[in-house]
Amino acid sequence: VQLVESGGGLVQPGGSLRLSCAASGSIFSIHRMGWYRQAPGKERELVAAITSGSTNYADSVKGRSTISRDNAKNTVSLQMNSLLPEDPAVYYCHAVVASTRSTWLQVWGQGTLVTVSS
């Protein structure tokens, strides 16, 4: 199973970006998809996650971010608005995937860099 991210890059302060992630490979079902980020010198942290019934956001992005999922396409997207100086990081897509009825995997994407600068 692979996750491929897209959508990172340079954004002006106060601007918006949309990150997308597509899962491919031997997928029976996907329980949870989400986005984490890691800034230099800091630990990787959850940004947002989505299951079939709920969403979860870090306090730092709550109210200015929206995570969405297309189950038919095995994709997840993160729309972030009003980007702040503390948002730059490498953003990683994450998924909890069942490759068979009884085999669960945690999968990470390769990461996409988000830079906030004027």
PDB file of N, CA and C in Angstrom:
ATOM      1  N   VAL A   1       0.851  -1.181   0.000  1.00  0.00           N
ATOM      2  CA  VAL A   1       0.000   0.000   0.000  1.00  0.00           C
ATOM      3  C   VAL A   1       0.891   1.236   0.000  1.00  0.00           C
ATOM      4  N   GLN A   2       0.559   2.195  -0.834  1.00  0.00           N
ATOM      5  CA  GLN A   2       1.335   3.438  -0.917  1.00  0.00           C
ATOM      6  C   GLN A   2       0.412   4.643  -0.780  1.00  0.00           C
ATOM      7  N   LEU A   3       0.975   5.690  -0.204  1.00  0.00           N
ATOM      8  CA  LEU A   3       0.288   6.970  -0.135  1.00  0.00           C
ATOM      9  C   LEU A   3       1.118   7.990  -0.902  1.00  0.00           C
ATOM     10  N   VAL A   4       0.488   8.710  -1.790  1.00  0.00           N
ATOM     11  CA  VAL A   4       1.185   9.727  -2.573  1.00  0.00           C
ATOM     12  C   VAL A   4       0.523  11.066  -2.317  1.00  0.00           C
ATOM     13  N   GLU A   5       1.313  12.013  -1.826  1.00  0.00           N
ATOM     14  CA  GLU A   5       0.795  13.330  -1.489  1.00  0.00           C
ATOM     15  C   GLU A   5       1.077  14.327  -2.606  1.00  0.00           C
ATOM     16  N   SER A   6       0.292  15.368  -2.616  1.00  0.00           N
ATOM     17  CA  SER A   6       0.518  16.479  -3.537  1.00  0.00           C
ATOM     18  C   SER A   6      -0.059  17.738  -2.922  1.00  0.00           C
ATOM     19  N   GLY A   7       0.411  18.877  -3.408  1.00  0.00           N
ATOM     20  CA  GLY A   7      -0.191  20.134  -3.009  1.00  0.00           C
ATOM     21  C   GLY A   7       0.631  21.013  -2.109  1.00  0.00           C
ATOM     22  N   GLY A   8       1.779  20.580  -1.662  1.00  0.00           N
ATOM     23  CA  GLY A   8       2.603  21.438  -0.830  1.00  0.00           C
ATOM     24  C   GLY A   8       3.256  22.531  -1.657  1.00  0.00           C
ATOM     25  N   GLY A   9       3.994  23.389  -0.978  1.00  0.00           N
ATOM     26  CA  GLY A   9       4.695  24.455  -1.678  1.00  0.00           C
ATOM     27  C   GLY A   9       4.769  25.717  -0.861  1.00  0.00           C
ATOM     28  N   LEU A  10       5.019  26.817  -1.538  1.00  0.00           N
ATOM     29  CA  LEU A  10       5.163  28.110  -0.886  1.00  0.00           C
ATOM     30  C   LEU A  10       3.832  28.837  -0.860  1.00  0.00           C
ATOM     31  N   VAL A  11       3.470  29.295   0.312  1.00  0.00           N
ATOM     32  CA  VAL A  11       2.218  30.022   0.491  1.00  0.00           C
ATOM     33  C   VAL A  11       2.511  31.300   1.262  1.00  0.00           C
ATOM     34  N   GLN A  12       1.837  32.364   0.921  1.00  0.00           N
ATOM     35  CA  GLN A  12       1.993  33.616   1.661  1.00  0.00           C
ATOM     36  C   GLN A  12       1.257  33.542   2.988  1.00  0.00           C
ATOM     37  N   PRO A  13       1.732  34.253   3.996  1.00  0.00           N
ATOM     38  CA  PRO A  13       0.991  34.310   5.259  1.00  0.00           C
ATOM     39  C   PRO A  13      -0.443  34.753   5.016  1.00  0.00           C
ATOM     40  N   GLY A  14      -1.354  34.057   5.642  1.00  0.00           N
ATOM     41  CA  GLY A  14      -2.760  34.348   5.442  1.00  0.00           C
ATOM     42  C   GLY A  14      -3.367  33.662   4.242  1.00  0.00           C
ATOM     43  N   GLY A  15      -2.535  33.001   3.475  1.00  0.00           N
ATOM     44  CA  GLY A  15      -3.014  32.317   2.288  1.00  0.00           C
ATOM     45  C   GLY A  15      -3.594  30.949   2.590  1.00  0.00           C
ATOM     46  N   SER A  16      -3.904  30.237   1.529  1.00  0.00           N
ATOM     47  CA  SER A  16      -4.535  28.924   1.655  1.00  0.00           C
ATOM     48  C   SER A  16      -3.776  27.899   0.842  1.00  0.00           C
ATOM     49  N   LEU A  17      -3.942  26.669   1.239  1.00  0.00           N
ATOM     50  CA  LEU A  17      -3.413  25.576   0.433  1.00  0.00           C
ATOM     51  C   LEU A  17      -4.299  24.355   0.606  1.00  0.00           C
ATOM     52  N   ARG A  18      -4.175  23.460  -0.340  1.00  0.00           N
ATOM     53  CA  ARG A  18      -4.927  22.209  -0.298  1.00  0.00           C
ATOM     54  C   ARG A  18      -3.956  21.068  -0.535  1.00  0.00           C
ATOM     55  N   LEU A  19      -3.880  20.190   0.419  1.00  0.00           N
ATOM     56  CA  LEU A  19      -3.058  18.990   0.308  1.00  0.00           C
ATOM     57  C   LEU A  19      -3.950  17.807  -0.043  1.00  0.00           C
ATOM     58  N   SER A  20      -3.453  16.969  -0.920  1.00  0.00           N
ATOM     59  CA  SER A  20      -4.211  15.783  -1.311  1.00  0.00           C
ATOM     60  C   SER A  20      -3.329  14.550  -1.175  1.00  0.00           C
ATOM     61  N   CYS A  21      -3.963  13.436  -0.937  1.00  0.00           N
ATOM     62  CA  CYS A  21      -3.246  12.181  -0.751  1.00  0.00           C
ATOM     63  C   CYS A  21      -4.076  11.054  -1.328  1.00  0.00           C
ATOM     64  N   ALA A  22      -3.436  10.212  -2.107  1.00  0.00           N
ATOM     65  CA  ALA A  22      -4.130   9.081  -2.717  1.00  0.00           C
ATOM     66  C   ALA A  22      -3.479   7.782  -2.266  1.00  0.00           C
ATOM     67  N   ALA A  23      -4.298   6.851  -1.841  1.00  0.00           N
ATOM     68  CA  ALA A  23      -3.812   5.531  -1.440  1.00  0.00           C
ATOM     69  C   ALA A  23      -4.003   4.563  -2.592  1.00  0.00           C
ATOM     70  N   SER A  24      -3.002   3.707  -2.769  1.00  0.00           N
ATOM     71  CA  SER A  24      -3.093   2.712  -3.825  1.00  0.00           C
ATOM     72  C   SER A  24      -2.442   1.421  -3.354  1.00  0.00           C
ATOM     73  N   GLY A  25      -2.731   0.361  -4.067  1.00  0.00           N
ATOM     74  CA  GLY A  25      -2.169  -0.941  -3.716  1.00  0.00           C
ATOM     75  C   GLY A  25      -3.254  -1.908  -3.299  1.00  0.00           C
ATOM     76  N   SER A  26      -2.846  -2.876  -2.497  1.00  0.00           N
ATOM     77  CA  SER A  26      -3.775  -3.911  -2.048  1.00  0.00           C
ATOM     78  C   SER A  26      -4.578  -3.387  -0.862  1.00  0.00           C
ATOM     79  N   ILE A  27      -5.737  -2.853  -1.142  1.00  0.00           N
ATOM     80  CA  ILE A  27      -6.560  -2.216  -0.119  1.00  0.00           C
ATOM     81  C   ILE A  27      -7.901  -2.923  -0.026  1.00  0.00           C
ATOM     82  N   PHE A  28      -8.177  -3.488   1.144  1.00  0.00           N
ATOM     83  CA  PHE A  28      -9.494  -4.058   1.393  1.00  0.00           C
ATOM     84  C   PHE A  28     -10.428  -2.982   1.927  1.00  0.00           C
ATOM     85  N   SER A  29      -9.926  -2.202   2.872  1.00  0.00           N
ATOM     86  CA  SER A  29     -10.688  -1.068   3.391  1.00  0.00           C
ATOM     87  C   SER A  29      -9.720  -0.111   4.074  1.00  0.00           C
ATOM     88  N   ILE A  30     -10.170   1.118   4.246  1.00  0.00           N
ATOM     89  CA  ILE A  30      -9.376   2.127   4.955  1.00  0.00           C
ATOM     90  C   ILE A  30     -10.179   2.607   6.147  1.00  0.00           C
ATOM     91  N   HIS A  31      -9.589   2.437   7.314  1.00  0.00           N
ATOM     92  CA  HIS A  31     -10.296   2.837   8.531  1.00  0.00           C
ATOM     93  C   HIS A  31     -10.155   4.326   8.785  1.00  0.00           C
ATOM     94  N   ARG A  32      -8.970   4.822   8.672  1.00  0.00           N
ATOM     95  CA  ARG A  32      -8.691   6.194   9.085  1.00  0.00           C
ATOM     96  C   ARG A  32      -7.656   6.789   8.146  1.00  0.00           C
ATOM     97  N   MET A  33      -7.836   8.045   7.785  1.00  0.00           N
ATOM     98  CA  MET A  33      -6.838   8.774   7.019  1.00  0.00           C
ATOM     99  C   MET A  33      -6.616  10.112   7.699  1.00  0.00           C
ATOM    100  N   GLY A  34      -5.405  10.613   7.573  1.00  0.00           N
ATOM    101  CA  GLY A  34      -5.136  11.867   8.239  1.00  0.00           C
ATOM    102  C   GLY A  34      -3.861  12.515   7.766  1.00  0.00           C
ATOM    103  N   TRP A  35      -3.585  13.654   8.370  1.00  0.00           N
ATOM    104  CA  TRP A  35      -2.387  14.430   8.069  1.00  0.00           C
ATOM    105  C   TRP A  35      -1.649  14.733   9.365  1.00  0.00           C
ATOM    106  N   TYR A  36      -0.358  14.532   9.302  1.00  0.00           N
ATOM    107  CA  TYR A  36       0.539  14.910  10.377  1.00  0.00           C
ATOM    108  C   TYR A  36       1.543  15.901   9.809  1.00  0.00           C
ATOM    109  N   ARG A  37       2.216  16.614  10.687  1.00  0.00           N
ATOM    110  CA  ARG A  37       3.269  17.516  10.223  1.00  0.00           C
ATOM    111  C   ARG A  37       4.440  17.485  11.187  1.00  0.00           C
ATOM    112  N   GLN A  38       5.597  17.781  10.645  1.00  0.00           N
ATOM    113  CA  GLN A  38       6.805  17.821  11.460  1.00  0.00           C
ATOM    114  C   GLN A  38       7.651  19.020  11.030  1.00  0.00           C
ATOM    115  N   ALA A  39       7.830  19.938  11.951  1.00  0.00           N
ATOM    116  CA  ALA A  39       8.683  21.099  11.720  1.00  0.00           C
ATOM    117  C   ALA A  39      10.094  20.771  12.204  1.00  0.00           C
ATOM    118  N   PRO A  40      11.096  21.477  11.708  1.00  0.00           N
ATOM    119  CA  PRO A  40      12.480  21.209  12.128  1.00  0.00           C
ATOM    120  C   PRO A  40      12.636  21.300  13.636  1.00  0.00           C
ATOM    121  N   GLY A  41      13.236  20.276  14.219  1.00  0.00           N
ATOM    122  CA  GLY A  41      13.481  20.258  15.647  1.00  0.00           C
ATOM    123  C   GLY A  41      12.287  19.917  16.500  1.00  0.00           C
ATOM    124  N   LYS A  42      11.179  19.586  15.855  1.00  0.00           N
ATOM    125  CA  LYS A  42       9.969  19.267  16.613  1.00  0.00           C
ATOM    126  C   LYS A  42       9.498  17.864  16.290  1.00  0.00           C
ATOM    127  N   GLU A  43       8.656  17.332  17.158  1.00  0.00           N
ATOM    128  CA  GLU A  43       8.097  16.013  16.937  1.00  0.00           C
ATOM    129  C   GLU A  43       6.968  16.082  15.906  1.00  0.00           C
ATOM    130  N   ARG A  44       6.743  14.962  15.277  1.00  0.00           N
ATOM    131  CA  ARG A  44       5.618  14.883  14.357  1.00  0.00           C
ATOM    132  C   ARG A  44       4.319  14.982  15.150  1.00  0.00           C
ATOM    133  N   GLU A  45       3.389  15.755  14.640  1.00  0.00           N
ATOM    134  CA  GLU A  45       2.134  15.972  15.350  1.00  0.00           C
ATOM    135  C   GLU A  45       0.944  15.805  14.414  1.00  0.00           C
ATOM    136  N   LEU A  46      -0.154  15.406  15.005  1.00  0.00           N
ATOM    137  CA  LEU A  46      -1.380  15.266  14.245  1.00  0.00           C
ATOM    138  C   LEU A  46      -1.904  16.650  13.852  1.00  0.00           C
ATOM    139  N   VAL A  47      -2.314  16.769  12.599  1.00  0.00           N
ATOM    140  CA  VAL A  47      -2.987  17.980  12.140  1.00  0.00           C
ATOM    141  C   VAL A  47      -4.493  17.740  12.075  1.00  0.00           C
ATOM    142  N   ALA A  48      -4.872  16.681  11.382  1.00  0.00           N
ATOM    143  CA  ALA A  48      -6.289  16.352  11.251  1.00  0.00           C
ATOM    144  C   ALA A  48      -6.414  14.903  10.818  1.00  0.00           C
ATOM    145  N   ALA A  49      -7.513  14.284  11.200  1.00  0.00           N
ATOM    146  CA  ALA A  49      -7.770  12.906  10.816  1.00  0.00           C
ATOM    147  C   ALA A  49      -9.254  12.716  10.594  1.00  0.00           C
ATOM    148  N   ILE A  50      -9.567  11.701   9.802  1.00  0.00           N
ATOM    149  CA  ILE A  50     -10.971  11.436   9.486  1.00  0.00           C
ATOM    150  C   ILE A  50     -11.198   9.933   9.417  1.00  0.00           C
ATOM    151  N   THR A  51     -12.277   9.502  10.060  1.00  0.00           N
ATOM    152  CA  THR A  51     -12.735   8.132   9.913  1.00  0.00           C
ATOM    153  C   THR A  51     -14.077   8.168   9.197  1.00  0.00           C
ATOM    154  N   SER A  52     -14.763   7.064   9.159  1.00  0.00           N
ATOM    155  CA  SER A  52     -16.050   7.049   8.471  1.00  0.00           C
ATOM    156  C   SER A  52     -17.082   7.905   9.184  1.00  0.00           C
ATOM    157  N   GLY A  53     -16.856   8.111  10.489  1.00  0.00           N
ATOM    158  CA  GLY A  53     -17.879   8.817  11.233  1.00  0.00           C
ATOM    159  C   GLY A  53     -17.475  10.090  11.919  1.00  0.00           C
ATOM    160  N   SER A  54     -16.217  10.444  11.852  1.00  0.00           N
ATOM    161  CA  SER A  54     -15.807  11.613  12.619  1.00  0.00           C
ATOM    162  C   SER A  54     -14.535  12.233  12.058  1.00  0.00           C
ATOM    163  N   THR A  55     -14.327  13.480  12.467  1.00  0.00           N
ATOM    164  CA  THR A  55     -13.088  14.180  12.148  1.00  0.00           C
ATOM    165  C   THR A  55     -12.454  14.660  13.440  1.00  0.00           C
ATOM    166  N   ASN A  56     -11.169  14.863  13.378  1.00  0.00           N
ATOM    167  CA  ASN A  56     -10.416  15.299  14.547  1.00  0.00           C
ATOM    168  C   ASN A  56      -9.358  16.289  14.083  1.00  0.00           C
ATOM    169  N   TYR A  57      -9.272  17.424  14.768  1.00  0.00           N
ATOM    170  CA  TYR A  57      -8.326  18.469  14.387  1.00  0.00           C
ATOM    171  C   TYR A  57      -7.448  18.856  15.575  1.00  0.00           C
ATOM    172  N   ALA A  58      -6.212  19.190  15.266  1.00  0.00           N
ATOM    173  CA  ALA A  58      -5.367  19.798  16.287  1.00  0.00           C
ATOM    174  C   ALA A  58      -5.931  21.172  16.614  1.00  0.00           C
ATOM    175  N   ASP A  59      -5.780  21.571  17.853  1.00  0.00           N
ATOM    176  CA  ASP A  59      -6.279  22.883  18.259  1.00  0.00           C
ATOM    177  C   ASP A  59      -5.676  24.001  17.416  1.00  0.00           C
ATOM    178  N   SER A  60      -4.438  23.816  17.003  1.00  0.00           N
ATOM    179  CA  SER A  60      -3.731  24.859  16.266  1.00  0.00           C
ATOM    180  C   SER A  60      -4.303  25.119  14.878  1.00  0.00           C
ATOM    181  N   VAL A  61      -5.067  24.180  14.343  1.00  0.00           N
ATOM    182  CA  VAL A  61      -5.622  24.362  12.994  1.00  0.00           C
ATOM    183  C   VAL A  61      -7.141  24.361  12.995  1.00  0.00           C
ATOM    184  N   LYS A  62      -7.728  24.111  14.149  1.00  0.00           N
ATOM    185  CA  LYS A  62      -9.182  24.028  14.240  1.00  0.00           C
ATOM    186  C   LYS A  62      -9.809  25.352  13.841  1.00  0.00           C
ATOM    187  N   GLY A  63     -10.830  25.293  13.029  1.00  0.00           N
ATOM    188  CA  GLY A  63     -11.526  26.488  12.586  1.00  0.00           C
ATOM    189  C   GLY A  63     -11.000  27.083  11.298  1.00  0.00           C
ATOM    190  N   ARG A  64      -9.837  26.656  10.881  1.00  0.00           N
ATOM    191  CA  ARG A  64      -9.292  27.172   9.621  1.00  0.00           C
ATOM    192  C   ARG A  64      -8.831  26.040   8.695  1.00  0.00           C
ATOM    193  N   SER A  65      -9.191  24.830   9.072  1.00  0.00           N
ATOM    194  CA  SER A  65      -8.824  23.679   8.252  1.00  0.00           C
ATOM    195  C   SER A  65     -10.015  22.748   8.108  1.00  0.00           C
ATOM    196  N   THR A  66     -10.057  22.072   6.978  1.00  0.00           N
ATOM    197  CA  THR A  66     -11.108  21.095   6.729  1.00  0.00           C
ATOM    198  C   THR A  66     -10.494  19.857   6.094  1.00  0.00           C
ATOM    199  N   ILE A  67     -10.741  18.720   6.704  1.00  0.00           N
ATOM    200  CA  ILE A  67     -10.284  17.457   6.131  1.00  0.00           C
ATOM    201  C   ILE A  67     -11.475  16.762   5.502  1.00  0.00           C
ATOM    202  N   SER A  68     -11.243  16.170   4.348  1.00  0.00           N
ATOM    203  CA  SER A  68     -12.314  15.473   3.659  1.00  0.00           C
ATOM    204  C   SER A  68     -11.754  14.210   3.021  1.00  0.00           C
ATOM    205  N   ARG A  69     -12.669  13.319   2.706  1.00  0.00           N
ATOM    206  CA  ARG A  69     -12.237  12.006   2.234  1.00  0.00           C
ATOM    207  C   ARG A  69     -13.173  11.538   1.139  1.00  0.00           C
ATOM    208  N   ASP A  70     -12.615  10.913   0.127  1.00  0.00           N
ATOM    209  CA  ASP A  70     -13.401  10.290  -0.935  1.00  0.00           C
ATOM    210  C   ASP A  70     -13.165   8.794  -0.831  1.00  0.00           C
ATOM    211  N   ASN A  71     -14.097   8.089  -0.257  1.00  0.00           N
ATOM    212  CA  ASN A  71     -13.916   6.661  -0.026  1.00  0.00           C
ATOM    213  C   ASN A  71     -13.825   5.877  -1.329  1.00  0.00           C
ATOM    214  N   ALA A  72     -14.527   6.313  -2.332  1.00  0.00           N
ATOM    215  CA  ALA A  72     -14.518   5.600  -3.610  1.00  0.00           C
ATOM    216  C   ALA A  72     -13.150   5.687  -4.283  1.00  0.00           C
ATOM    217  N   LYS A  73     -12.458   6.787  -4.056  1.00  0.00           N
ATOM    218  CA  LYS A  73     -11.161   6.996  -4.697  1.00  0.00           C
ATOM    219  C   LYS A  73      -9.991   6.761  -3.742  1.00  0.00           C
ATOM    220  N   ASN A  74     -10.296   6.455  -2.489  1.00  0.00           N
ATOM    221  CA  ASN A  74      -9.243   6.260  -1.477  1.00  0.00           C
ATOM    222  C   ASN A  74      -8.330   7.476  -1.365  1.00  0.00           C
ATOM    223  N   THR A  75      -8.940   8.632  -1.312  1.00  0.00           N
ATOM    224  CA  THR A  75      -8.177   9.865  -1.194  1.00  0.00           C
ATOM    225  C   THR A  75      -8.615  10.656   0.030  1.00  0.00           C
ATOM    226  N   VAL A  76      -7.706  11.481   0.498  1.00  0.00           N
ATOM    227  CA  VAL A  76      -8.000  12.398   1.593  1.00  0.00           C
ATOM    228  C   VAL A  76      -7.381  13.746   1.235  1.00  0.00           C
ATOM    229  N   SER A  77      -8.073  14.806   1.584  1.00  0.00           N
ATOM    230  CA  SER A  77      -7.589  16.153   1.304  1.00  0.00           C
ATOM    231  C   SER A  77      -7.657  16.990   2.570  1.00  0.00           C
ATOM    232  N   LEU A  78      -6.766  17.956   2.623  1.00  0.00           N
ATOM    233  CA  LEU A  78      -6.753  18.896   3.739  1.00  0.00           C
ATOM    234  C   LEU A  78      -6.721  20.304   3.169  1.00  0.00           C
ATOM    235  N   GLN A  79      -7.738  21.060   3.444  1.00  0.00           N
ATOM    236  CA  GLN A  79      -7.808  22.454   3.058  1.00  0.00           C
ATOM    237  C   GLN A  79      -7.411  23.297   4.268  1.00  0.00           C
ATOM    238  N   MET A  80      -6.357  24.069   4.126  1.00  0.00           N
ATOM    239  CA  MET A  80      -5.911  24.925   5.221  1.00  0.00           C
ATOM    240  C   MET A  80      -5.992  26.375   4.780  1.00  0.00           C
ATOM    241  N   ASN A  81      -6.607  27.200   5.580  1.00  0.00           N
ATOM    242  CA  ASN A  81      -6.753  28.616   5.292  1.00  0.00           C
ATOM    243  C   ASN A  81      -6.034  29.436   6.358  1.00  0.00           C
ATOM    244  N   SER A  82      -5.847  30.701   6.036  1.00  0.00           N
ATOM    245  CA  SER A  82      -5.237  31.639   6.984  1.00  0.00           C
ATOM    246  C   SER A  82      -3.938  31.077   7.550  1.00  0.00           C
ATOM    247  N   LEU A  83      -3.044  30.687   6.667  1.00  0.00           N
ATOM    248  CA  LEU A  83      -1.808  30.063   7.127  1.00  0.00           C
ATOM    249  C   LEU A  83      -0.995  31.011   7.992  1.00  0.00           C
ATOM    250  N   LEU A  84      -0.405  30.452   9.029  1.00  0.00           N
ATOM    251  CA  LEU A  84       0.318  31.207  10.035  1.00  0.00           C
ATOM    252  C   LEU A  84       1.813  30.881   9.968  1.00  0.00           C
ATOM    253  N   PRO A  85       2.639  31.730  10.579  1.00  0.00           N
ATOM    254  CA  PRO A  85       4.093  31.455  10.578  1.00  0.00           C
ATOM    255  C   PRO A  85       4.459  30.124  11.221  1.00  0.00           C
ATOM    256  N   GLU A  86       3.596  29.581  12.076  1.00  0.00           N
ATOM    257  CA  GLU A  86       3.911  28.303  12.730  1.00  0.00           C
ATOM    258  C   GLU A  86       3.456  27.091  11.938  1.00  0.00           C
ATOM    259  N   ASP A  87       2.862  27.320  10.760  1.00  0.00           N
ATOM    260  CA  ASP A  87       2.381  26.198   9.950  1.00  0.00           C
ATOM    261  C   ASP A  87       3.443  25.535   9.073  1.00  0.00           C
ATOM    262  N   PRO A  88       4.538  26.179   8.728  1.00  0.00           N
ATOM    263  CA  PRO A  88       5.521  25.506   7.866  1.00  0.00           C
ATOM    264  C   PRO A  88       6.033  24.218   8.478  1.00  0.00           C
ATOM    265  N   ALA A  89       6.075  23.181   7.662  1.00  0.00           N
ATOM    266  CA  ALA A  89       6.523  21.870   8.116  1.00  0.00           C
ATOM    267  C   ALA A  89       6.478  20.934   6.922  1.00  0.00           C
ATOM    268  N   VAL A  90       6.973  19.742   7.145  1.00  0.00           N
ATOM    269  CA  VAL A  90       6.718  18.672   6.193  1.00  0.00           C
ATOM    270  C   VAL A  90       5.413  18.008   6.627  1.00  0.00           C
ATOM    271  N   TYR A  91       4.485  17.945   5.728  1.00  0.00           N
ATOM    272  CA  TYR A  91       3.176  17.364   6.003  1.00  0.00           C
ATOM    273  C   TYR A  91       3.132  15.940   5.451  1.00  0.00           C
ATOM    274  N   TYR A  92       2.724  15.033   6.309  1.00  0.00           N
ATOM    275  CA  TYR A  92       2.689  13.609   5.964  1.00  0.00           C
ATOM    276  C   TYR A  92       1.258  13.095   5.964  1.00  0.00           C
ATOM    277  N   CYS A  93       0.939  12.384   4.933  1.00  0.00           N
ATOM    278  CA  CYS A  93      -0.334  11.673   4.899  1.00  0.00           C
ATOM    279  C   CYS A  93      -0.172  10.355   5.657  1.00  0.00           C
ATOM    280  N   HIS A  94      -1.208   9.963   6.352  1.00  0.00           N
ATOM    281  CA  HIS A  94      -1.182   8.729   7.145  1.00  0.00           C
ATOM    282  C   HIS A  94      -2.497   7.986   6.961  1.00  0.00           C
ATOM    283  N   ALA A  95      -2.423   6.689   6.932  1.00  0.00           N
ATOM    284  CA  ALA A  95      -3.649   5.898   6.805  1.00  0.00           C
ATOM    285  C   ALA A  95      -3.530   4.597   7.584  1.00  0.00           C
ATOM    286  N   VAL A  96      -4.632   4.165   8.116  1.00  0.00           N
ATOM    287  CA  VAL A  96      -4.755   2.837   8.724  1.00  0.00           C
ATOM    288  C   VAL A  96      -5.569   2.014   7.746  1.00  0.00           C
ATOM    289  N   VAL A  97      -4.895   1.037   7.166  1.00  0.00           N
ATOM    290  CA  VAL A  97      -5.451   0.323   6.012  1.00  0.00           C
ATOM    291  C   VAL A  97      -5.549  -1.163   6.321  1.00  0.00           C
ATOM    292  N   ALA A  98      -6.650  -1.750   5.910  1.00  0.00           N
ATOM    293  CA  ALA A  98      -6.764  -3.206   5.926  1.00  0.00           C
ATOM    294  C   ALA A  98      -6.429  -3.702   4.532  1.00  0.00           C
ATOM    295  N   SER A  99      -5.343  -4.465   4.423  1.00  0.00           N
ATOM    296  CA  SER A  99      -4.989  -5.013   3.111  1.00  0.00           C
ATOM    297  C   SER A  99      -5.748  -6.311   2.851  1.00  0.00           C
ATOM    298  N   THR A 100      -6.188  -6.948   3.922  1.00  0.00           N
ATOM    299  CA  THR A 100      -7.095  -8.087   3.844  1.00  0.00           C
ATOM    300  C   THR A 100      -8.097  -7.923   4.985  1.00  0.00           C
ATOM    301  N   ARG A 101      -8.993  -8.883   5.163  1.00  0.00           N
ATOM    302  CA  ARG A 101      -9.969  -8.777   6.254  1.00  0.00           C
ATOM    303  C   ARG A 101      -9.298  -8.758   7.620  1.00  0.00           C
ATOM    304  N   SER A 102      -8.102  -9.337   7.711  1.00  0.00           N
ATOM    305  CA  SER A 102      -7.475  -9.497   9.024  1.00  0.00           C
ATOM    306  C   SER A 102      -6.093  -8.874   9.136  1.00  0.00           C
ATOM    307  N   THR A 103      -5.651  -8.164   8.122  1.00  0.00           N
ATOM    308  CA  THR A 103      -4.311  -7.567   8.134  1.00  0.00           C
ATOM    309  C   THR A 103      -4.423  -6.056   8.066  1.00  0.00           C
ATOM    310  N   TRP A 104      -3.987  -5.408   9.148  1.00  0.00           N
ATOM    311  CA  TRP A 104      -4.056  -3.953   9.227  1.00  0.00           C
ATOM    312  C   TRP A 104      -2.653  -3.377   9.161  1.00  0.00           C
ATOM    313  N   LEU A 105      -2.530  -2.282   8.448  1.00  0.00           N
ATOM    314  CA  LEU A 105      -1.244  -1.613   8.258  1.00  0.00           C
ATOM    315  C   LEU A 105      -1.366  -0.133   8.601  1.00  0.00           C
ATOM    316  N   GLN A 106      -0.291   0.406   9.130  1.00  0.00           N
ATOM    317  CA  GLN A 106      -0.179   1.866   9.226  1.00  0.00           C
ATOM    318  C   GLN A 106       0.772   2.304   8.123  1.00  0.00           C
ATOM    319  N   VAL A 107       0.312   3.208   7.303  1.00  0.00           N
ATOM    320  CA  VAL A 107       1.072   3.613   6.129  1.00  0.00           C
ATOM    321  C   VAL A 107       1.310   5.121   6.169  1.00  0.00           C
ATOM    322  N   TRP A 108       2.505   5.508   5.774  1.00  0.00           N
ATOM    323  CA  TRP A 108       2.882   6.917   5.707  1.00  0.00           C
ATOM    324  C   TRP A 108       3.257   7.306   4.282  1.00  0.00           C
ATOM    325  N   GLY A 109       2.908   8.519   3.933  1.00  0.00           N
ATOM    326  CA  GLY A 109       3.378   9.072   2.685  1.00  0.00           C
ATOM    327  C   GLY A 109       4.803   9.574   2.829  1.00  0.00           C
ATOM    328  N   GLN A 110       5.365  10.053   1.725  1.00  0.00           N
ATOM    329  CA  GLN A 110       6.754  10.498   1.729  1.00  0.00           C
ATOM    330  C   GLN A 110       6.904  11.909   2.280  1.00  0.00           C
ATOM    331  N   GLY A 111       5.826  12.619   2.408  1.00  0.00           N
ATOM    332  CA  GLY A 111       5.855  13.976   2.947  1.00  0.00           C
ATOM    333  C   GLY A 111       5.886  15.031   1.863  1.00  0.00           C
ATOM    334  N   THR A 112       5.264  16.146   2.150  1.00  0.00           N
ATOM    335  CA  THR A 112       5.280  17.269   1.228  1.00  0.00           C
ATOM    336  C   THR A 112       5.553  18.531   2.039  1.00  0.00           C
ATOM    337  N   LEU A 113       6.463  19.359   1.550  1.00  0.00           N
ATOM    338  CA  LEU A 113       6.922  20.525   2.285  1.00  0.00           C
ATOM    339  C   LEU A 113       5.986  21.702   2.083  1.00  0.00           C
ATOM    340  N   VAL A 114       5.599  22.314   3.177  1.00  0.00           N
ATOM    341  CA  VAL A 114       4.801  23.533   3.143  1.00  0.00           C
ATOM    342  C   VAL A 114       5.636  24.661   3.744  1.00  0.00           C
ATOM    343  N   THR A 115       5.798  25.715   2.995  1.00  0.00           N
ATOM    344  CA  THR A 115       6.556  26.887   3.426  1.00  0.00           C
ATOM    345  C   THR A 115       5.627  28.096   3.425  1.00  0.00           C
ATOM    346  N   VAL A 116       5.712  28.881   4.481  1.00  0.00           N
ATOM    347  CA  VAL A 116       4.899  30.093   4.569  1.00  0.00           C
ATOM    348  C   VAL A 116       5.840  31.279   4.603  1.00  0.00           C
ATOM    349  N   SER A 117       5.754  32.087   3.567  1.00  0.00           N
ATOM    350  CA  SER A 117       6.649  33.236   3.484  1.00  0.00           C
ATOM    351  C   SER A 117       6.100  34.264   2.511  1.00  0.00           C
ATOM    352  N   SER A 118       6.392  35.516   2.802  1.00  0.00           N
ATOM    353  CA  SER A 118       5.975  36.564   1.886  1.00  0.00           C
ATOM    354  C   SER A 118       7.108  36.906   0.920  1.00  0.00           C
TER     355      SER A 118
END
